[in-house]
Each structure stands twice: as structure tokens, then as C-alpha cells.
Amino acid sequence: MGCKPDAGREVNTVSDNDTHSMTLSGSISKWNKPEGDINIMGYFVAPQFSGTIDSKGHLEILLPDDFNNLTASAFAKADSSETLGYALEIPNAQETFANTDGLVFDGATVELALAGKNYGFQVFQRSEYVTTIYPTTSAEFIKQVITPSVNKAITGTYYYFIYSEKPVGIKGNNSTQQLFSNENDESYDLSTVYEVSIKPGWNTLKHEVKEITSSTDAKYSASSRVLISTVHDLPEPMLWVSLASQKTAL
């Protein structure tokens, strides 16, 4: 199954013969589109289709082994085009995770390659982008994550997938003062709890907003307690949502 790309469109393919690959599966809530192909790559690089979704919304995504090298190769090819104006680099763990000052942090300089774009995966039909799908607890929550609103914070969870060649560990609770808005000088406490233990290969990360707080005038709201952790399995059944409006440039 899957859509055949148009002639002339550059498409990379992957196999499922690797020992450190990961397969994701599930169903899209309220899917009303034809079958399509799923892109596992990130910004500014050619799509690499390694998954499909059928006309009933059932999906399967293969995340291949050696994804760091695949990402580095894609970045190098994009850099050679000289259209970006800057070099793409795989971020390290310190750059990937925010609010980690004072925590136990092992492997801060280890490179981590993130699957997909903005914590989701683009879907193409006949080489044309149609939507982006996200593993999350609700469409409203992931919309707030991608395009934050200072007065609509809600609790919820999303999942994302990171490939690493070495272990990374982050443990502890970091508390910081944040402003509700640039238009408001009232601050609040943001508590970010890390329970991250990344192993070589693919890892599933869970980002959960557990509590929110509001300003005294109730005009603004924000996440006040966040848990970031590694998990062994996705919930069953895992909810995937489609947000066609979240189109991002290749």
C-alpha cells in the first residue's frame, strides 16, 4: 500500500532489517482522506517515506536503525545546496532539553536525532503534502504546543521519538520563574521534572503538562508543572490526530 511518488521527485527509502529499528502503529481519529505515505524526516531536507496510512486511518511507521547517520547525510545534502545560508547540525542532548540547570545530566554532548517535524509526521499523497499527524492526548493540546497561546494553556501529553548512539540520563526537578506574557509583568513558577534514561537506539519520550496556573486577573494561563520522561511503550490504543493546518516548509 502507499502512494507512488511523481516522477522527478526525490524520495529516499528504508528497510526493516535493522536490529535497532522501531515500528509505530495506530489509527487516526476522524480520518477522512485517501491512503498516503509518511515522511520521517525533519526540516529543510528531502522527504524519506518510511510509513503508510490507509483509507481507514490505520497507520504504520518504521523508524530505521542508524538514524543519526541518515539524518547527518540528509543535512549534508541540504547544506551542499547552499540555499539555507547556514549549516544544519544534529543537536546534542543539552540543546534538545530545556530547563536542566542544576540537574543530574549524563551525556549532555551526545547527539540526538529527532524523527519527524515538530513532534509529528507529515503525510503525502502522490508526493503532495496533505497533513501532519501527532501522537497525543488531544488535538487541542498539540495545537497549544505548536502555536502557544498565553491564555489557553491546557493539560495533556504528546510523544516523540529520538535516536541516540550513546546513553543519556537526566534526573531531577528544575524550578524557574516565567512571565505569563510580555504584556504582563506577573510571573509564575514552572516546575520541570526529568525522568529521562535514553539508551542507544530508538527511544520514546513523553512530554506531559500535569498542571496549569493562571494570572491573578485570569487573563493568562501557563503550564506550571511538566514531566519529561522516557517510556517503554505507547498507550494502547494510542490516539493520533491529524492537523492539516500545521503545514511546514520542506
C-alpha atoms as a PDB file:
ATOM      1  CA  MET A   1       0.000   0.000   0.000  1.00  0.00           C
ATOM      2  CA  GLY A   2       1.055   3.617  -0.338  1.00  0.00           C
ATOM      3  CA  CYS A   3       1.177   6.305  -2.946  1.00  0.00           C
ATOM      4  CA  LYS A   4       3.618   6.179  -5.796  1.00  0.00           C
ATOM      5  CA  PRO A   5       5.644   9.418  -5.905  1.00  0.00           C
ATOM      6  CA  ASP A   6       5.584  11.523  -9.030  1.00  0.00           C
ATOM      7  CA  ALA A   7       8.476  11.163 -11.454  1.00  0.00           C
ATOM      8  CA  GLY A   8      11.337  13.514 -10.707  1.00  0.00           C
ATOM      9  CA  ARG A   9      10.530  13.803  -7.009  1.00  0.00           C
ATOM     10  CA  GLU A  10      13.488  12.798  -4.841  1.00  0.00           C
ATOM     11  CA  VAL A  11      12.417  10.093  -2.392  1.00  0.00           C
ATOM     12  CA  ASN A  12      14.540   8.038  -0.003  1.00  0.00           C
ATOM     13  CA  THR A  13      13.522   4.596   1.192  1.00  0.00           C
ATOM     14  CA  VAL A  14      14.440   2.483   4.222  1.00  0.00           C
ATOM     15  CA  SER A  15      14.326  -1.198   5.097  1.00  0.00           C
ATOM     16  CA  ASP A  16      13.125  -3.033   8.189  1.00  0.00           C
ATOM     17  CA  ASN A  17      16.089  -5.396   8.509  1.00  0.00           C
ATOM     18  CA  ASP A  18      17.808  -3.490  11.318  1.00  0.00           C
ATOM     19  CA  THR A  19      18.108  -4.649  14.918  1.00  0.00           C
ATOM     20  CA  HIS A  20      17.525  -1.178  16.407  1.00  0.00           C
ATOM     21  CA  SER A  21      14.541  -0.130  14.298  1.00  0.00           C
ATOM     22  CA  MET A  22      11.192   0.784  15.833  1.00  0.00           C
ATOM     23  CA  THR A  23       7.716   0.274  14.372  1.00  0.00           C
ATOM     24  CA  LEU A  24       4.858   2.588  15.342  1.00  0.00           C
ATOM     25  CA  SER A  25       1.244   1.748  14.611  1.00  0.00           C
ATOM     26  CA  GLY A  26      -2.185   3.095  15.415  1.00  0.00           C
ATOM     27  CA  SER A  27      -5.210   4.860  13.965  1.00  0.00           C
ATOM     28  CA  ILE A  28      -6.040   8.462  13.181  1.00  0.00           C
ATOM     29  CA  SER A  29      -9.062   9.962  14.868  1.00  0.00           C
ATOM     30  CA  LYS A  30     -11.657  11.103  12.264  1.00  0.00           C
ATOM     31  CA  TRP A  31      -9.505  10.294   9.225  1.00  0.00           C
ATOM     32  CA  ASN A  32     -11.324  11.277   6.013  1.00  0.00           C
ATOM     33  CA  LYS A  33      -8.546  11.158   3.415  1.00  0.00           C
ATOM     34  CA  PRO A  34      -7.211   8.556   0.958  1.00  0.00           C
ATOM     35  CA  GLU A  35      -4.160   6.427   1.668  1.00  0.00           C
ATOM     36  CA  GLY A  36      -0.829   8.200   1.942  1.00  0.00           C
ATOM     37  CA  ASP A  37       2.896   7.944   2.647  1.00  0.00           C
ATOM     38  CA  ILE A  38       4.503   9.131   5.885  1.00  0.00           C
ATOM     39  CA  ASN A  39       7.674  11.215   5.980  1.00  0.00           C
ATOM     40  CA  ILE A  40      10.007  10.537   8.931  1.00  0.00           C
ATOM     41  CA  MET A  41      12.489  13.351   8.280  1.00  0.00           C
ATOM     42  CA  GLY A  42      12.699  16.877   9.676  1.00  0.00           C
ATOM     43  CA  TYR A  43      13.030  20.390   8.363  1.00  0.00           C
ATOM     44  CA  PHE A  44      14.765  21.507   5.175  1.00  0.00           C
ATOM     45  CA  VAL A  45      15.652  18.033   3.859  1.00  0.00           C
ATOM     46  CA  ALA A  46      14.150  15.748   1.217  1.00  0.00           C
ATOM     47  CA  PRO A  47      11.278  13.567   2.462  1.00  0.00           C
ATOM     48  CA  GLN A  48      12.075   9.989   3.405  1.00  0.00           C
ATOM     49  CA  PHE A  49       8.960   7.870   3.278  1.00  0.00           C
ATOM     50  CA  SER A  50       9.006   5.046   5.793  1.00  0.00           C
ATOM     51  CA  GLY A  51       5.366   4.543   6.667  1.00  0.00           C
ATOM     52  CA  THR A  52       1.860   4.397   5.271  1.00  0.00           C
ATOM     53  CA  ILE A  53      -1.687   5.228   6.284  1.00  0.00           C
ATOM     54  CA  ASP A  54      -4.659   3.565   4.658  1.00  0.00           C
ATOM     55  CA  SER A  55      -8.042   5.000   3.722  1.00  0.00           C
ATOM     56  CA  LYS A  56      -9.476   3.914   7.098  1.00  0.00           C
ATOM     57  CA  GLY A  57      -6.836   5.802   9.061  1.00  0.00           C
ATOM     58  CA  HIS A  58      -4.747   2.806  10.119  1.00  0.00           C
ATOM     59  CA  LEU A  59      -1.052   3.706  10.100  1.00  0.00           C
ATOM     60  CA  GLU A  60       2.333   2.054  10.422  1.00  0.00           C
ATOM     61  CA  ILE A  61       5.687   3.837  10.614  1.00  0.00           C
ATOM     62  CA  LEU A  62       9.107   2.184  10.539  1.00  0.00           C
ATOM     63  CA  LEU A  63      11.846   4.200  12.239  1.00  0.00           C
ATOM     64  CA  PRO A  64      15.092   2.738  10.844  1.00  0.00           C
ATOM     65  CA  ASP A  65      18.347   1.858  12.535  1.00  0.00           C
ATOM     66  CA  ASP A  66      21.339   4.219  12.283  1.00  0.00           C
ATOM     67  CA  PHE A  67      19.052   7.237  12.108  1.00  0.00           C
ATOM     68  CA  ASN A  68      21.798   9.616  13.268  1.00  0.00           C
ATOM     69  CA  ASN A  69      23.838   8.840  10.151  1.00  0.00           C
ATOM     70  CA  LEU A  70      20.762   9.048   7.928  1.00  0.00           C
ATOM     71  CA  THR A  71      19.975  12.462   9.384  1.00  0.00           C
ATOM     72  CA  ALA A  72      23.586  13.650   9.071  1.00  0.00           C
ATOM     73  CA  SER A  73      23.641  12.575   5.417  1.00  0.00           C
ATOM     74  CA  ALA A  74      20.374  14.384   4.711  1.00  0.00           C
ATOM     75  CA  PHE A  75      21.711  17.513   6.422  1.00  0.00           C
ATOM     76  CA  ALA A  76      24.957  17.369   4.433  1.00  0.00           C
ATOM     77  CA  LYS A  77      22.998  17.122   1.180  1.00  0.00           C
ATOM     78  CA  ALA A  78      20.828  20.078   2.165  1.00  0.00           C
ATOM     79  CA  ASP A  79      23.925  22.070   3.156  1.00  0.00           C
ATOM     80  CA  SER A  80      25.524  21.410  -0.225  1.00  0.00           C
ATOM     81  CA  SER A  81      22.606  23.082  -1.979  1.00  0.00           C
ATOM     82  CA  GLU A  82      23.666  26.430  -0.492  1.00  0.00           C
ATOM     83  CA  THR A  83      20.053  27.572  -0.251  1.00  0.00           C
ATOM     84  CA  LEU A  84      19.766  27.688   3.544  1.00  0.00           C
ATOM     85  CA  GLY A  85      22.540  30.139   4.386  1.00  0.00           C
ATOM     86  CA  TYR A  86      23.612  28.143   7.428  1.00  0.00           C
ATOM     87  CA  ALA A  87      24.693  24.596   8.257  1.00  0.00           C
ATOM     88  CA  LEU A  88      22.256  22.019   9.629  1.00  0.00           C
ATOM     89  CA  GLU A  89      23.561  20.098  12.626  1.00  0.00           C
ATOM     90  CA  ILE A  90      22.144  17.340  14.816  1.00  0.00           C
ATOM     91  CA  PRO A  91      21.531  18.890  18.251  1.00  0.00           C
ATOM     92  CA  ASN A  92      23.108  17.434  21.361  1.00  0.00           C
ATOM     93  CA  ALA A  93      21.184  16.494  24.493  1.00  0.00           C
ATOM     94  CA  GLN A  94      21.896  19.824  26.200  1.00  0.00           C
ATOM     95  CA  GLU A  95      20.404  21.655  23.224  1.00  0.00           C
ATOM     96  CA  THR A  96      17.426  19.290  22.994  1.00  0.00           C
ATOM     97  CA  PHE A  97      16.168  19.574  26.571  1.00  0.00           C
ATOM     98  CA  ALA A  98      15.336  22.899  28.238  1.00  0.00           C
ATOM     99  CA  ASN A  99      15.353  23.891  31.918  1.00  0.00           C
ATOM    100  CA  THR A 100      18.018  21.409  33.037  1.00  0.00           C
ATOM    101  CA  ASP A 101      20.234  23.691  35.150  1.00  0.00           C
ATOM    102  CA  GLY A 102      21.309  22.001  38.370  1.00  0.00           C
ATOM    103  CA  LEU A 103      20.020  18.557  37.377  1.00  0.00           C
ATOM    104  CA  VAL A 104      21.937  15.305  37.147  1.00  0.00           C
ATOM    105  CA  PHE A 105      22.789  15.275  33.429  1.00  0.00           C
ATOM    106  CA  ASP A 106      24.848  12.456  31.935  1.00  0.00           C
ATOM    107  CA  GLY A 107      25.731  12.615  28.237  1.00  0.00           C
ATOM    108  CA  ALA A 108      24.953  16.296  27.666  1.00  0.00           C
ATOM    109  CA  THR A 109      27.063  16.414  24.482  1.00  0.00           C
ATOM    110  CA  VAL A 110      25.585  13.258  22.918  1.00  0.00           C
ATOM    111  CA  GLU A 111      23.866  13.928  19.581  1.00  0.00           C
ATOM    112  CA  LEU A 112      20.133  13.161  19.447  1.00  0.00           C
ATOM    113  CA  ALA A 113      18.252  12.828  16.147  1.00  0.00           C
ATOM    114  CA  LEU A 114      14.527  13.580  16.314  1.00  0.00           C
ATOM    115  CA  ALA A 115      12.115  11.769  13.999  1.00  0.00           C
ATOM    116  CA  GLY A 116       9.589  13.862  12.093  1.00  0.00           C
ATOM    117  CA  LYS A 117       8.809  17.577  12.262  1.00  0.00           C
ATOM    118  CA  ASN A 118       7.595  19.492  15.282  1.00  0.00           C
ATOM    119  CA  TYR A 119       6.856  16.206  17.110  1.00  0.00           C
ATOM    120  CA  GLY A 120       4.680  14.966  14.256  1.00  0.00           C
ATOM    121  CA  PHE A 121       4.947  13.222  10.900  1.00  0.00           C
ATOM    122  CA  GLN A 122       3.943  14.694   7.555  1.00  0.00           C
ATOM    123  CA  VAL A 123       1.615  12.713   5.292  1.00  0.00           C
ATOM    124  CA  PHE A 124       1.951  12.949   1.495  1.00  0.00           C
ATOM    125  CA  GLN A 125      -0.384  11.779  -1.261  1.00  0.00           C
ATOM    126  CA  ARG A 126       1.172  11.480  -4.718  1.00  0.00           C
ATOM    127  CA  SER A 127       4.155  13.473  -3.415  1.00  0.00           C
ATOM    128  CA  GLU A 128       1.956  16.370  -2.237  1.00  0.00           C
ATOM    129  CA  TYR A 129       1.769  17.319   1.437  1.00  0.00           C
ATOM    130  CA  VAL A 130      -1.736  16.903   2.888  1.00  0.00           C
ATOM    131  CA  THR A 131      -1.498  16.889   6.696  1.00  0.00           C
ATOM    132  CA  THR A 132       0.654  16.238   9.757  1.00  0.00           C
ATOM    133  CA  ILE A 133      -0.141  13.534  12.308  1.00  0.00           C
ATOM    134  CA  TYR A 134       0.747  13.586  16.002  1.00  0.00           C
ATOM    135  CA  PRO A 135       0.671  11.010  18.831  1.00  0.00           C
ATOM    136  CA  THR A 136      -1.040  12.997  21.585  1.00  0.00           C
ATOM    137  CA  THR A 137      -3.933  13.075  24.007  1.00  0.00           C
ATOM    138  CA  SER A 138      -5.926  15.667  22.040  1.00  0.00           C
ATOM    139  CA  ALA A 139      -5.840  17.940  19.016  1.00  0.00           C
ATOM    140  CA  GLU A 140      -6.400  20.956  21.276  1.00  0.00           C
ATOM    141  CA  PHE A 141      -3.316  20.131  23.333  1.00  0.00           C
ATOM    142  CA  ILE A 142      -0.911  19.653  20.424  1.00  0.00           C
ATOM    143  CA  LYS A 143      -2.197  22.883  18.830  1.00  0.00           C
ATOM    144  CA  GLN A 144      -1.263  24.678  22.056  1.00  0.00           C
ATOM    145  CA  VAL A 145       2.205  23.084  21.983  1.00  0.00           C
ATOM    146  CA  ILE A 146       2.909  24.078  18.364  1.00  0.00           C
ATOM    147  CA  THR A 147       1.356  27.548  18.430  1.00  0.00           C
ATOM    148  CA  PRO A 148       1.212  28.540  22.109  1.00  0.00           C
ATOM    149  CA  SER A 149      -1.474  30.910  23.324  1.00  0.00           C
ATOM    150  CA  VAL A 150      -0.877  32.825  26.548  1.00  0.00           C
ATOM    151  CA  ASN A 151      -4.465  32.400  27.664  1.00  0.00           C
ATOM    152  CA  LYS A 152      -5.345  28.851  26.617  1.00  0.00           C
ATOM    153  CA  ALA A 153      -2.931  26.525  28.439  1.00  0.00           C
ATOM    154  CA  ILE A 154      -4.322  23.026  28.990  1.00  0.00           C
ATOM    155  CA  THR A 155      -3.056  19.770  30.424  1.00  0.00           C
ATOM    156  CA  GLY A 156      -2.147  16.903  28.123  1.00  0.00           C
ATOM    157  CA  THR A 157       0.563  14.667  26.731  1.00  0.00           C
ATOM    158  CA  TYR A 158       2.437  14.225  23.474  1.00  0.00           C
ATOM    159  CA  TYR A 159       5.068  11.673  22.497  1.00  0.00           C
ATOM    160  CA  TYR A 160       8.166  11.996  20.346  1.00  0.00           C
ATOM    161  CA  PHE A 161      10.924   9.702  19.147  1.00  0.00           C
ATOM    162  CA  ILE A 162      14.673  10.202  19.483  1.00  0.00           C
ATOM    163  CA  TYR A 163      17.570   8.146  18.155  1.00  0.00           C
ATOM    164  CA  SER A 164      20.856   8.104  20.052  1.00  0.00           C
ATOM    165  CA  GLU A 165      24.153   6.290  19.639  1.00  0.00           C
ATOM    166  CA  LYS A 166      25.046   6.640  23.333  1.00  0.00           C
ATOM    167  CA  PRO A 167      23.234   6.708  26.692  1.00  0.00           C
ATOM    168  CA  VAL A 168      21.843   9.958  28.084  1.00  0.00           C
ATOM    169  CA  GLY A 169      20.382  10.443  31.553  1.00  0.00           C
ATOM    170  CA  ILE A 170      18.608  13.421  33.115  1.00  0.00           C
ATOM    171  CA  LYS A 171      17.124  13.290  36.609  1.00  0.00           C
ATOM    172  CA  GLY A 172      15.645  15.909  38.900  1.00  0.00           C
ATOM    173  CA  ASN A 173      13.297  18.849  39.246  1.00  0.00           C
ATOM    174  CA  ASN A 174      14.141  22.301  37.895  1.00  0.00           C
ATOM    175  CA  SER A 175      12.108  25.303  39.038  1.00  0.00           C
ATOM    176  CA  THR A 176      12.221  28.595  37.120  1.00  0.00           C
ATOM    177  CA  GLN A 177      10.370  31.896  37.169  1.00  0.00           C
ATOM    178  CA  GLN A 178       8.471  32.671  33.967  1.00  0.00           C
ATOM    179  CA  LEU A 179       6.370  35.602  32.798  1.00  0.00           C
ATOM    180  CA  PHE A 180       2.786  34.939  31.777  1.00  0.00           C
ATOM    181  CA  SER A 181       3.194  37.332  28.849  1.00  0.00           C
ATOM    182  CA  ASN A 182       5.433  40.085  27.527  1.00  0.00           C
ATOM    183  CA  GLU A 183       2.423  42.328  28.092  1.00  0.00           C
ATOM    184  CA  ASN A 184       2.165  41.335  31.759  1.00  0.00           C
ATOM    185  CA  ASP A 185       4.915  41.546  34.410  1.00  0.00           C
ATOM    186  CA  GLU A 186       3.320  38.903  36.640  1.00  0.00           C
ATOM    187  CA  SER A 187       5.419  35.751  36.975  1.00  0.00           C
ATOM    188  CA  TYR A 188       4.766  32.149  37.940  1.00  0.00           C
ATOM    189  CA  ASP A 189       6.790  29.088  38.947  1.00  0.00           C
ATOM    190  CA  LEU A 190       7.438  26.482  36.247  1.00  0.00           C
ATOM    191  CA  SER A 191       8.485  23.090  37.610  1.00  0.00           C
ATOM    192  CA  THR A 192      10.079  20.779  35.027  1.00  0.00           C
ATOM    193  CA  VAL A 193      10.627  17.230  36.226  1.00  0.00           C
ATOM    194  CA  TYR A 194      13.020  14.983  34.266  1.00  0.00           C
ATOM    195  CA  GLU A 195      12.976  11.191  34.428  1.00  0.00           C
ATOM    196  CA  VAL A 196      14.931  10.557  31.230  1.00  0.00           C
ATOM    197  CA  SER A 197      17.042   7.484  30.574  1.00  0.00           C
ATOM    198  CA  ILE A 198      17.968   7.311  26.879  1.00  0.00           C
ATOM    199  CA  LYS A 199      19.593   4.134  25.574  1.00  0.00           C
ATOM    200  CA  PRO A 200      21.428   3.514  22.287  1.00  0.00           C
ATOM    201  CA  GLY A 201      18.884   3.139  19.500  1.00  0.00           C
ATOM    202  CA  TRP A 202      15.331   4.469  19.427  1.00  0.00           C
ATOM    203  CA  ASN A 203      13.674   5.991  22.487  1.00  0.00           C
ATOM    204  CA  THR A 204      10.120   7.154  23.148  1.00  0.00           C
ATOM    205  CA  LEU A 205       9.866  10.422  25.067  1.00  0.00           C
ATOM    206  CA  LYS A 206       6.750  11.579  26.885  1.00  0.00           C
ATOM    207  CA  HIS A 207       6.061  15.282  27.472  1.00  0.00           C
ATOM    208  CA  GLU A 208       3.215  15.717  29.928  1.00  0.00           C
ATOM    209  CA  VAL A 209       1.763  19.004  31.149  1.00  0.00           C
ATOM    210  CA  LYS A 210       0.394  17.960  34.516  1.00  0.00           C
ATOM    211  CA  GLU A 211      -0.718  21.286  35.969  1.00  0.00           C
ATOM    212  CA  ILE A 212      -1.518  24.793  34.757  1.00  0.00           C
ATOM    213  CA  THR A 213      -1.741  28.097  36.575  1.00  0.00           C
ATOM    214  CA  SER A 214      -3.480  31.394  35.867  1.00  0.00           C
ATOM    215  CA  SER A 215      -2.649  35.041  36.431  1.00  0.00           C
ATOM    216  CA  THR A 216      -4.459  36.925  39.164  1.00  0.00           C
ATOM    217  CA  ASP A 217      -6.713  38.618  36.628  1.00  0.00           C
ATOM    218  CA  ALA A 218      -7.425  35.229  34.961  1.00  0.00           C
ATOM    219  CA  LYS A 219      -6.411  36.697  31.610  1.00  0.00           C
ATOM    220  CA  TYR A 220      -3.369  34.470  31.161  1.00  0.00           C
ATOM    221  CA  SER A 221      -2.611  30.816  31.820  1.00  0.00           C
ATOM    222  CA  ALA A 222       0.506  28.672  31.526  1.00  0.00           C
ATOM    223  CA  SER A 223       1.950  25.242  32.229  1.00  0.00           C
ATOM    224  CA  SER A 224       3.210  25.144  35.810  1.00  0.00           C
ATOM    225  CA  ARG A 225       4.291  21.513  36.185  1.00  0.00           C
ATOM    226  CA  VAL A 226       5.760  19.463  33.310  1.00  0.00           C
ATOM    227  CA  LEU A 227       7.054  15.896  33.339  1.00  0.00           C
ATOM    228  CA  ILE A 228       9.504  14.755  30.647  1.00  0.00           C
ATOM    229  CA  SER A 229      10.283  11.054  30.742  1.00  0.00           C
ATOM    230  CA  THR A 230      11.289   8.052  28.691  1.00  0.00           C
ATOM    231  CA  VAL A 231       8.637   5.350  28.349  1.00  0.00           C
ATOM    232  CA  HIS A 232       8.903   1.763  27.172  1.00  0.00           C
ATOM    233  CA  ASP A 233       5.543   1.524  25.433  1.00  0.00           C
ATOM    234  CA  LEU A 234       2.943   3.848  23.974  1.00  0.00           C
ATOM    235  CA  PRO A 235      -0.546   3.717  25.475  1.00  0.00           C
ATOM    236  CA  GLU A 236      -2.958   1.242  23.918  1.00  0.00           C
ATOM    237  CA  PRO A 237      -4.778   2.393  21.976  1.00  0.00           C
ATOM    238  CA  MET A 238      -2.596   5.361  21.086  1.00  0.00           C
ATOM    239  CA  LEU A 239      -4.501   8.405  19.839  1.00  0.00           C
ATOM    240  CA  TRP A 240      -3.086  10.027  16.720  1.00  0.00           C
ATOM    241  CA  VAL A 241      -4.579  13.289  15.477  1.00  0.00           C
ATOM    242  CA  SER A 242      -4.362  14.960  12.076  1.00  0.00           C
ATOM    243  CA  LEU A 243      -3.809  18.705  11.823  1.00  0.00           C
ATOM    244  CA  ALA A 244      -3.847  19.749   8.207  1.00  0.00           C
ATOM    245  CA  SER A 245      -3.299  23.385   9.144  1.00  0.00           C
ATOM    246  CA  GLN A 246       0.116  22.609  10.630  1.00  0.00           C
ATOM    247  CA  LYS A 247       1.898  22.620   7.287  1.00  0.00           C
ATOM    248  CA  THR A 248       5.602  23.356   7.444  1.00  0.00           C
ATOM    249  CA  ALA A 249       8.004  24.101   4.615  1.00  0.00           C
ATOM    250  CA  LEU A 250      10.279  21.344   3.377  1.00  0.00           C
END
